Amino acid sequence: MAVSIESLRRFAGADPEEDDSVLTACLEAAMEWYAGAGVPQDTTGALYDFYVQNLASYFYDSRGTAEPGAHIPDEFISSVHMLRAAGR
């Protein structure tokens, strides 16, 4: 996958001095969520990279809330259908 912690840091607007552990956890959670939804991990797909960064940013922005993964916004649910087709 082409998403690095530094690219996610810029995408999410995270503090450049912040420890990588939170961003890493958000990125891993986003990748796991898409894998659980049946999306094949595509190491070269810009669309996959975009949605993984976007979901990781959502998790990052939702940190500190009771359950950020309890309600995934509809845009991510819709993206699963595009990404499944793109991964075939």
PDB file of N, CA and C in Angstrom:
ATOM      1  N   MET A   1       0.834  -1.171   0.000  1.00  0.00           N
ATOM      2  CA  MET A   1       0.000   0.000   0.000  1.00  0.00           C
ATOM      3  C   MET A   1       0.883   1.241   0.000  1.00  0.00           C
ATOM      4  N   ALA A   2       0.441   2.276  -0.693  1.00  0.00           N
ATOM      5  CA  ALA A   2       1.241   3.484  -0.843  1.00  0.00           C
ATOM      6  C   ALA A   2       1.011   4.495   0.277  1.00  0.00           C
ATOM      7  N   VAL A   3       0.097   4.234   1.187  1.00  0.00           N
ATOM      8  CA  VAL A   3      -0.173   5.185   2.261  1.00  0.00           C
ATOM      9  C   VAL A   3       0.904   5.068   3.334  1.00  0.00           C
ATOM     10  N   SER A   4       1.587   6.159   3.553  1.00  0.00           N
ATOM     11  CA  SER A   4       2.592   6.191   4.616  1.00  0.00           C
ATOM     12  C   SER A   4       2.030   7.000   5.780  1.00  0.00           C
ATOM     13  N   ILE A   5       2.673   6.888   6.902  1.00  0.00           N
ATOM     14  CA  ILE A   5       2.246   7.669   8.065  1.00  0.00           C
ATOM     15  C   ILE A   5       2.391   9.161   7.766  1.00  0.00           C
ATOM     16  N   GLU A   6       3.422   9.533   7.046  1.00  0.00           N
ATOM     17  CA  GLU A   6       3.609  10.948   6.716  1.00  0.00           C
ATOM     18  C   GLU A   6       2.516  11.462   5.785  1.00  0.00           C
ATOM     19  N   SER A   7       2.115  10.658   4.791  1.00  0.00           N
ATOM     20  CA  SER A   7       1.031  11.111   3.909  1.00  0.00           C
ATOM     21  C   SER A   7      -0.288  11.162   4.675  1.00  0.00           C
ATOM     22  N   LEU A   8      -0.510  10.210   5.580  1.00  0.00           N
ATOM     23  CA  LEU A   8      -1.715  10.241   6.408  1.00  0.00           C
ATOM     24  C   LEU A   8      -1.681  11.449   7.343  1.00  0.00           C
ATOM     25  N   ARG A   9      -0.536  11.749   7.887  1.00  0.00           N
ATOM     26  CA  ARG A   9      -0.391  12.910   8.776  1.00  0.00           C
ATOM     27  C   ARG A   9      -0.832  14.182   8.041  1.00  0.00           C
ATOM     28  N   ARG A  10      -0.385  14.348   6.797  1.00  0.00           N
ATOM     29  CA  ARG A  10      -0.775  15.534   6.011  1.00  0.00           C
ATOM     30  C   ARG A  10      -2.265  15.482   5.673  1.00  0.00           C
ATOM     31  N   PHE A  11      -2.750  14.315   5.249  1.00  0.00           N
ATOM     32  CA  PHE A  11      -4.150  14.143   4.857  1.00  0.00           C
ATOM     33  C   PHE A  11      -5.085  14.456   6.030  1.00  0.00           C
ATOM     34  N   ALA A  12      -4.720  13.980   7.218  1.00  0.00           N
ATOM     35  CA  ALA A  12      -5.563  14.157   8.405  1.00  0.00           C
ATOM     36  C   ALA A  12      -5.353  15.505   9.086  1.00  0.00           C
ATOM     37  N   GLY A  13      -4.322  16.225   8.689  1.00  0.00           N
ATOM     38  CA  GLY A  13      -4.029  17.510   9.323  1.00  0.00           C
ATOM     39  C   GLY A  13      -3.488  17.349  10.732  1.00  0.00           C
ATOM     40  N   ALA A  14      -2.779  16.249  10.953  1.00  0.00           N
ATOM     41  CA  ALA A  14      -2.225  15.970  12.279  1.00  0.00           C
ATOM     42  C   ALA A  14      -0.982  16.819  12.528  1.00  0.00           C
ATOM     43  N   ASP A  15      -0.708  17.055  13.774  1.00  0.00           N
ATOM     44  CA  ASP A  15       0.469  17.811  14.197  1.00  0.00           C
ATOM     45  C   ASP A  15       1.728  17.060  13.753  1.00  0.00           C
ATOM     46  N   PRO A  16       2.648  17.733  13.064  1.00  0.00           N
ATOM     47  CA  PRO A  16       3.875  17.074  12.608  1.00  0.00           C
ATOM     48  C   PRO A  16       4.731  16.518  13.743  1.00  0.00           C
ATOM     49  N   GLU A  17       4.552  17.039  14.950  1.00  0.00           N
ATOM     50  CA  GLU A  17       5.340  16.597  16.091  1.00  0.00           C
ATOM     51  C   GLU A  17       4.671  15.462  16.869  1.00  0.00           C
ATOM     52  N   GLU A  18       3.437  15.112  16.487  1.00  0.00           N
ATOM     53  CA  GLU A  18       2.702  14.073  17.212  1.00  0.00           C
ATOM     54  C   GLU A  18       3.329  12.698  17.006  1.00  0.00           C
ATOM     55  N   ASP A  19       3.299  11.904  18.040  1.00  0.00           N
ATOM     56  CA  ASP A  19       3.780  10.530  17.986  1.00  0.00           C
ATOM     57  C   ASP A  19       2.993   9.753  16.927  1.00  0.00           C
ATOM     58  N   ASP A  20       3.674   8.849  16.217  1.00  0.00           N
ATOM     59  CA  ASP A  20       3.046   8.085  15.137  1.00  0.00           C
ATOM     60  C   ASP A  20       2.073   7.016  15.610  1.00  0.00           C
ATOM     61  N   SER A  21       2.065   6.690  16.885  1.00  0.00           N
ATOM     62  CA  SER A  21       1.292   5.539  17.351  1.00  0.00           C
ATOM     63  C   SER A  21      -0.207   5.680  17.102  1.00  0.00           C
ATOM     64  N   VAL A  22      -0.768   6.860  17.302  1.00  0.00           N
ATOM     65  CA  VAL A  22      -2.205   7.048  17.086  1.00  0.00           C
ATOM     66  C   VAL A  22      -2.521   6.948  15.597  1.00  0.00           C
ATOM     67  N   LEU A  23      -1.724   7.601  14.762  1.00  0.00           N
ATOM     68  CA  LEU A  23      -1.950   7.527  13.319  1.00  0.00           C
ATOM     69  C   LEU A  23      -1.784   6.101  12.801  1.00  0.00           C
ATOM     70  N   THR A  24      -0.810   5.398  13.320  1.00  0.00           N
ATOM     71  CA  THR A  24      -0.596   4.006  12.910  1.00  0.00           C
ATOM     72  C   THR A  24      -1.801   3.151  13.277  1.00  0.00           C
ATOM     73  N   ALA A  25      -2.320   3.336  14.472  1.00  0.00           N
ATOM     74  CA  ALA A  25      -3.498   2.575  14.904  1.00  0.00           C
ATOM     75  C   ALA A  25      -4.713   2.899  14.036  1.00  0.00           C
ATOM     76  N   CYS A  26      -4.881   4.157  13.687  1.00  0.00           N
ATOM     77  CA  CYS A  26      -6.006   4.556  12.832  1.00  0.00           C
ATOM     78  C   CYS A  26      -5.867   3.961  11.433  1.00  0.00           C
ATOM     79  N   LEU A  27      -4.655   3.975  10.892  1.00  0.00           N
ATOM     80  CA  LEU A  27      -4.403   3.413   9.572  1.00  0.00           C
ATOM     81  C   LEU A  27      -4.656   1.907   9.572  1.00  0.00           C
ATOM     82  N   GLU A  28      -4.150   1.223  10.577  1.00  0.00           N
ATOM     83  CA  GLU A  28      -4.364  -0.221  10.662  1.00  0.00           C
ATOM     84  C   GLU A  28      -5.842  -0.555  10.825  1.00  0.00           C
ATOM     85  N   ALA A  29      -6.559   0.237  11.619  1.00  0.00           N
ATOM     86  CA  ALA A  29      -7.995   0.007  11.802  1.00  0.00           C
ATOM     87  C   ALA A  29      -8.759   0.207  10.496  1.00  0.00           C
ATOM     88  N   ALA A  30      -8.380   1.211   9.727  1.00  0.00           N
ATOM     89  CA  ALA A  30      -9.040   1.455   8.444  1.00  0.00           C
ATOM     90  C   ALA A  30      -8.784   0.304   7.468  1.00  0.00           C
ATOM     91  N   MET A  31      -7.538  -0.158   7.421  1.00  0.00           N
ATOM     92  CA  MET A  31      -7.215  -1.278   6.529  1.00  0.00           C
ATOM     93  C   MET A  31      -7.962  -2.542   6.958  1.00  0.00           C
ATOM     94  N   GLU A  32      -8.045  -2.780   8.261  1.00  0.00           N
ATOM     95  CA  GLU A  32      -8.770  -3.944   8.771  1.00  0.00           C
ATOM     96  C   GLU A  32     -10.260  -3.835   8.469  1.00  0.00           C
ATOM     97  N   TRP A  33     -10.820  -2.627   8.578  1.00  0.00           N
ATOM     98  CA  TRP A  33     -12.239  -2.439   8.289  1.00  0.00           C
ATOM     99  C   TRP A  33     -12.533  -2.778   6.830  1.00  0.00           C
ATOM    100  N   TYR A  34     -11.709  -2.274   5.910  1.00  0.00           N
ATOM    101  CA  TYR A  34     -11.921  -2.575   4.487  1.00  0.00           C
ATOM    102  C   TYR A  34     -11.695  -4.057   4.190  1.00  0.00           C
ATOM    103  N   ALA A  35     -10.711  -4.662   4.820  1.00  0.00           N
ATOM    104  CA  ALA A  35     -10.480  -6.098   4.624  1.00  0.00           C
ATOM    105  C   ALA A  35     -11.688  -6.895   5.119  1.00  0.00           C
ATOM    106  N   GLY A  36     -12.238  -6.505   6.252  1.00  0.00           N
ATOM    107  CA  GLY A  36     -13.419  -7.170   6.794  1.00  0.00           C
ATOM    108  C   GLY A  36     -14.644  -7.000   5.920  1.00  0.00           C
ATOM    109  N   ALA A  37     -14.663  -5.923   5.128  1.00  0.00           N
ATOM    110  CA  ALA A  37     -15.768  -5.673   4.213  1.00  0.00           C
ATOM    111  C   ALA A  37     -15.567  -6.391   2.875  1.00  0.00           C
ATOM    112  N   GLY A  38     -14.471  -7.137   2.765  1.00  0.00           N
ATOM    113  CA  GLY A  38     -14.229  -7.912   1.547  1.00  0.00           C
ATOM    114  C   GLY A  38     -13.500  -7.173   0.451  1.00  0.00           C
ATOM    115  N   VAL A  39     -12.860  -6.069   0.800  1.00  0.00           N
ATOM    116  CA  VAL A  39     -12.096  -5.306  -0.190  1.00  0.00           C
ATOM    117  C   VAL A  39     -10.673  -5.843  -0.220  1.00  0.00           C
ATOM    118  N   PRO A  40     -10.209  -6.300  -1.397  1.00  0.00           N
ATOM    119  CA  PRO A  40      -8.831  -6.787  -1.471  1.00  0.00           C
ATOM    120  C   PRO A  40      -7.850  -5.632  -1.295  1.00  0.00           C
ATOM    121  N   GLN A  41      -6.780  -5.878  -0.544  1.00  0.00           N
ATOM    122  CA  GLN A  41      -5.774  -4.834  -0.353  1.00  0.00           C
ATOM    123  C   GLN A  41      -5.014  -4.665  -1.654  1.00  0.00           C
ATOM    124  N   ASP A  42      -5.066  -3.473  -2.193  1.00  0.00           N
ATOM    125  CA  ASP A  42      -4.448  -3.163  -3.479  1.00  0.00           C
ATOM    126  C   ASP A  42      -3.272  -2.233  -3.226  1.00  0.00           C
ATOM    127  N   THR A  43      -2.087  -2.693  -3.520  1.00  0.00           N
ATOM    128  CA  THR A  43      -0.907  -1.887  -3.212  1.00  0.00           C
ATOM    129  C   THR A  43      -0.665  -0.776  -4.224  1.00  0.00           C
ATOM    130  N   THR A  44      -1.382  -0.740  -5.326  1.00  0.00           N
ATOM    131  CA  THR A  44      -1.127   0.289  -6.330  1.00  0.00           C
ATOM    132  C   THR A  44      -2.339   1.160  -6.617  1.00  0.00           C
ATOM    133  N   GLY A  45      -3.460   0.905  -6.007  1.00  0.00           N
ATOM    134  CA  GLY A  45      -4.679   1.636  -6.347  1.00  0.00           C
ATOM    135  C   GLY A  45      -4.835   2.942  -5.606  1.00  0.00           C
ATOM    136  N   ALA A  46      -4.884   4.036  -6.356  1.00  0.00           N
ATOM    137  CA  ALA A  46      -5.047   5.357  -5.750  1.00  0.00           C
ATOM    138  C   ALA A  46      -6.409   5.483  -5.075  1.00  0.00           C
ATOM    139  N   LEU A  47      -7.435   4.836  -5.623  1.00  0.00           N
ATOM    140  CA  LEU A  47      -8.761   4.907  -5.021  1.00  0.00           C
ATOM    141  C   LEU A  47      -8.764   4.224  -3.656  1.00  0.00           C
ATOM    142  N   TYR A  48      -8.136   3.058  -3.568  1.00  0.00           N
ATOM    143  CA  TYR A  48      -8.010   2.356  -2.288  1.00  0.00           C
ATOM    144  C   TYR A  48      -7.240   3.217  -1.288  1.00  0.00           C
ATOM    145  N   ASP A  49      -6.130   3.767  -1.720  1.00  0.00           N
ATOM    146  CA  ASP A  49      -5.312   4.612  -0.834  1.00  0.00           C
ATOM    147  C   ASP A  49      -6.122   5.800  -0.321  1.00  0.00           C
ATOM    148  N   PHE A  50      -6.886   6.430  -1.220  1.00  0.00           N
ATOM    149  CA  PHE A  50      -7.697   7.582  -0.829  1.00  0.00           C
ATOM    150  C   PHE A  50      -8.698   7.198   0.257  1.00  0.00           C
ATOM    151  N   TYR A  51      -9.460   6.133   0.022  1.00  0.00           N
ATOM    152  CA  TYR A  51     -10.488   5.760   0.990  1.00  0.00           C
ATOM    153  C   TYR A  51      -9.905   5.257   2.303  1.00  0.00           C
ATOM    154  N   VAL A  52      -8.788   4.558   2.258  1.00  0.00           N
ATOM    155  CA  VAL A  52      -8.150   4.115   3.499  1.00  0.00           C
ATOM    156  C   VAL A  52      -7.676   5.332   4.293  1.00  0.00           C
ATOM    157  N   GLN A  53      -7.054   6.296   3.622  1.00  0.00           N
ATOM    158  CA  GLN A  53      -6.626   7.522   4.318  1.00  0.00           C
ATOM    159  C   GLN A  53      -7.825   8.291   4.860  1.00  0.00           C
ATOM    160  N   ASN A  54      -8.891   8.327   4.080  1.00  0.00           N
ATOM    161  CA  ASN A  54     -10.081   9.053   4.492  1.00  0.00           C
ATOM    162  C   ASN A  54     -10.701   8.407   5.734  1.00  0.00           C
ATOM    163  N   LEU A  55     -10.813   7.071   5.744  1.00  0.00           N
ATOM    164  CA  LEU A  55     -11.364   6.385   6.905  1.00  0.00           C
ATOM    165  C   LEU A  55     -10.426   6.504   8.105  1.00  0.00           C
ATOM    166  N   ALA A  56      -9.137   6.384   7.876  1.00  0.00           N
ATOM    167  CA  ALA A  56      -8.171   6.553   8.965  1.00  0.00           C
ATOM    168  C   ALA A  56      -8.275   7.967   9.549  1.00  0.00           C
ATOM    169  N   SER A  57      -8.483   8.952   8.697  1.00  0.00           N
ATOM    170  CA  SER A  57      -8.663  10.335   9.170  1.00  0.00           C
ATOM    171  C   SER A  57      -9.940  10.476   9.976  1.00  0.00           C
ATOM    172  N   TYR A  58     -10.998   9.784   9.551  1.00  0.00           N
ATOM    173  CA  TYR A  58     -12.249   9.788  10.308  1.00  0.00           C
ATOM    174  C   TYR A  58     -12.014   9.211  11.705  1.00  0.00           C
ATOM    175  N   PHE A  59     -11.296   8.078  11.763  1.00  0.00           N
ATOM    176  CA  PHE A  59     -10.978   7.483  13.066  1.00  0.00           C
ATOM    177  C   PHE A  59     -10.123   8.441  13.900  1.00  0.00           C
ATOM    178  N   TYR A  60      -9.159   9.095  13.246  1.00  0.00           N
ATOM    179  CA  TYR A  60      -8.287  10.043  13.946  1.00  0.00           C
ATOM    180  C   TYR A  60      -9.107  11.202  14.520  1.00  0.00           C
ATOM    181  N   ASP A  61     -10.002  11.754  13.702  1.00  0.00           N
ATOM    182  CA  ASP A  61     -10.830  12.875  14.152  1.00  0.00           C
ATOM    183  C   ASP A  61     -11.830  12.458  15.232  1.00  0.00           C
ATOM    184  N   SER A  62     -12.162  11.166  15.268  1.00  0.00           N
ATOM    185  CA  SER A  62     -13.151  10.666  16.227  1.00  0.00           C
ATOM    186  C   SER A  62     -12.516  10.144  17.508  1.00  0.00           C
ATOM    187  N   ARG A  63     -11.185  10.240  17.623  1.00  0.00           N
ATOM    188  CA  ARG A  63     -10.528   9.712  18.813  1.00  0.00           C
ATOM    189  C   ARG A  63     -11.050  10.454  20.040  1.00  0.00           C
ATOM    190  N   GLY A  64     -11.165   9.714  21.104  1.00  0.00           N
ATOM    191  CA  GLY A  64     -11.685  10.297  22.329  1.00  0.00           C
ATOM    192  C   GLY A  64     -13.195  10.186  22.460  1.00  0.00           C
ATOM    193  N   THR A  65     -13.882   9.823  21.389  1.00  0.00           N
ATOM    194  CA  THR A  65     -15.321   9.605  21.496  1.00  0.00           C
ATOM    195  C   THR A  65     -15.553   8.191  22.002  1.00  0.00           C
ATOM    196  N   ALA A  66     -16.758   7.906  22.395  1.00  0.00           N
ATOM    197  CA  ALA A  66     -17.061   6.606  22.994  1.00  0.00           C
ATOM    198  C   ALA A  66     -16.716   5.445  22.059  1.00  0.00           C
ATOM    199  N   GLU A  67     -17.230   5.454  20.845  1.00  0.00           N
ATOM    200  CA  GLU A  67     -16.968   4.370  19.900  1.00  0.00           C
ATOM    201  C   GLU A  67     -16.918   4.926  18.480  1.00  0.00           C
ATOM    202  N   PRO A  68     -15.752   5.371  18.009  1.00  0.00           N
ATOM    203  CA  PRO A  68     -15.688   5.971  16.667  1.00  0.00           C
ATOM    204  C   PRO A  68     -16.079   4.998  15.561  1.00  0.00           C
ATOM    205  N   GLY A  69     -15.875   3.697  15.783  1.00  0.00           N
ATOM    206  CA  GLY A  69     -16.225   2.724  14.754  1.00  0.00           C
ATOM    207  C   GLY A  69     -17.657   2.254  14.818  1.00  0.00           C
ATOM    208  N   ALA A  70     -18.422   2.758  15.799  1.00  0.00           N
ATOM    209  CA  ALA A  70     -19.801   2.304  15.958  1.00  0.00           C
ATOM    210  C   ALA A  70     -20.677   2.756  14.797  1.00  0.00           C
ATOM    211  N   HIS A  71     -20.435   3.933  14.274  1.00  0.00           N
ATOM    212  CA  HIS A  71     -21.191   4.417  13.121  1.00  0.00           C
ATOM    213  C   HIS A  71     -20.210   4.871  12.052  1.00  0.00           C
ATOM    214  N   ILE A  72     -20.093   4.064  11.028  1.00  0.00           N
ATOM    215  CA  ILE A  72     -19.242   4.429   9.894  1.00  0.00           C
ATOM    216  C   ILE A  72     -20.110   5.224   8.919  1.00  0.00           C
ATOM    217  N   PRO A  73     -19.694   6.417   8.516  1.00  0.00           N
ATOM    218  CA  PRO A  73     -20.492   7.223   7.591  1.00  0.00           C
ATOM    219  C   PRO A  73     -20.774   6.495   6.272  1.00  0.00           C
ATOM    220  N   ASP A  74     -21.892   6.856   5.677  1.00  0.00           N
ATOM    221  CA  ASP A  74     -22.362   6.197   4.455  1.00  0.00           C
ATOM    222  C   ASP A  74     -21.352   6.232   3.312  1.00  0.00           C
ATOM    223  N   GLU A  75     -20.548   7.286   3.229  1.00  0.00           N
ATOM    224  CA  GLU A  75     -19.584   7.368   2.129  1.00  0.00           C
ATOM    225  C   GLU A  75     -18.615   6.189   2.139  1.00  0.00           C
ATOM    226  N   PHE A  76     -18.282   5.668   3.307  1.00  0.00           N
ATOM    227  CA  PHE A  76     -17.371   4.530   3.385  1.00  0.00           C
ATOM    228  C   PHE A  76     -18.095   3.233   3.024  1.00  0.00           C
ATOM    229  N   ILE A  77     -19.353   3.128   3.418  1.00  0.00           N
ATOM    230  CA  ILE A  77     -20.137   1.952   3.051  1.00  0.00           C
ATOM    231  C   ILE A  77     -20.251   1.892   1.525  1.00  0.00           C
ATOM    232  N   SER A  78     -20.539   3.027   0.899  1.00  0.00           N
ATOM    233  CA  SER A  78     -20.649   3.085  -0.569  1.00  0.00           C
ATOM    234  C   SER A  78     -19.324   2.779  -1.251  1.00  0.00           C
ATOM    235  N   SER A  79     -18.228   3.203  -0.644  1.00  0.00           N
ATOM    236  CA  SER A  79     -16.918   2.999  -1.270  1.00  0.00           C
ATOM    237  C   SER A  79     -16.564   1.520  -1.367  1.00  0.00           C
ATOM    238  N   VAL A  80     -17.112   0.707  -0.477  1.00  0.00           N
ATOM    239  CA  VAL A  80     -16.817  -0.731  -0.496  1.00  0.00           C
ATOM    240  C   VAL A  80     -17.188  -1.325  -1.847  1.00  0.00           C
ATOM    241  N   HIS A  81     -18.326  -0.917  -2.399  1.00  0.00           N
ATOM    242  CA  HIS A  81     -18.769  -1.471  -3.684  1.00  0.00           C
ATOM    243  C   HIS A  81     -17.818  -1.079  -4.818  1.00  0.00           C
ATOM    244  N   MET A  82     -17.354   0.154  -4.808  1.00  0.00           N
ATOM    245  CA  MET A  82     -16.387   0.594  -5.830  1.00  0.00           C
ATOM    246  C   MET A  82     -15.070  -0.150  -5.678  1.00  0.00           C
ATOM    247  N   LEU A  83     -14.605  -0.268  -4.453  1.00  0.00           N
ATOM    248  CA  LEU A  83     -13.290  -0.873  -4.226  1.00  0.00           C
ATOM    249  C   LEU A  83     -13.304  -2.378  -4.469  1.00  0.00           C
ATOM    250  N   ARG A  84     -14.402  -3.030  -4.168  1.00  0.00           N
ATOM    251  CA  ARG A  84     -14.482  -4.468  -4.472  1.00  0.00           C
ATOM    252  C   ARG A  84     -14.363  -4.683  -5.965  1.00  0.00           C
ATOM    253  N   ALA A  85     -15.093  -3.878  -6.739  1.00  0.00           N
ATOM    254  CA  ALA A  85     -15.049  -4.012  -8.199  1.00  0.00           C
ATOM    255  C   ALA A  85     -13.673  -3.663  -8.748  1.00  0.00           C
ATOM    256  N   ALA A  86     -13.025  -2.645  -8.191  1.00  0.00           N
ATOM    257  CA  ALA A  86     -11.703  -2.223  -8.660  1.00  0.00           C
ATOM    258  C   ALA A  86     -10.642  -3.266  -8.348  1.00  0.00           C
ATOM    259  N   GLY A  87     -10.856  -4.043  -7.297  1.00  0.00           N
ATOM    260  CA  GLY A  87      -9.853  -5.036  -6.894  1.00  0.00           C
ATOM    261  C   GLY A  87      -9.935  -6.341  -7.639  1.00  0.00           C
ATOM    262  N   ARG A  88     -10.915  -6.486  -8.489  1.00  0.00           N
ATOM    263  CA  ARG A  88     -11.063  -7.741  -9.249  1.00  0.00           C
ATOM    264  C   ARG A  88     -10.199  -7.768 -10.469  1.00  0.00           C
TER     265      ARG A  88
END
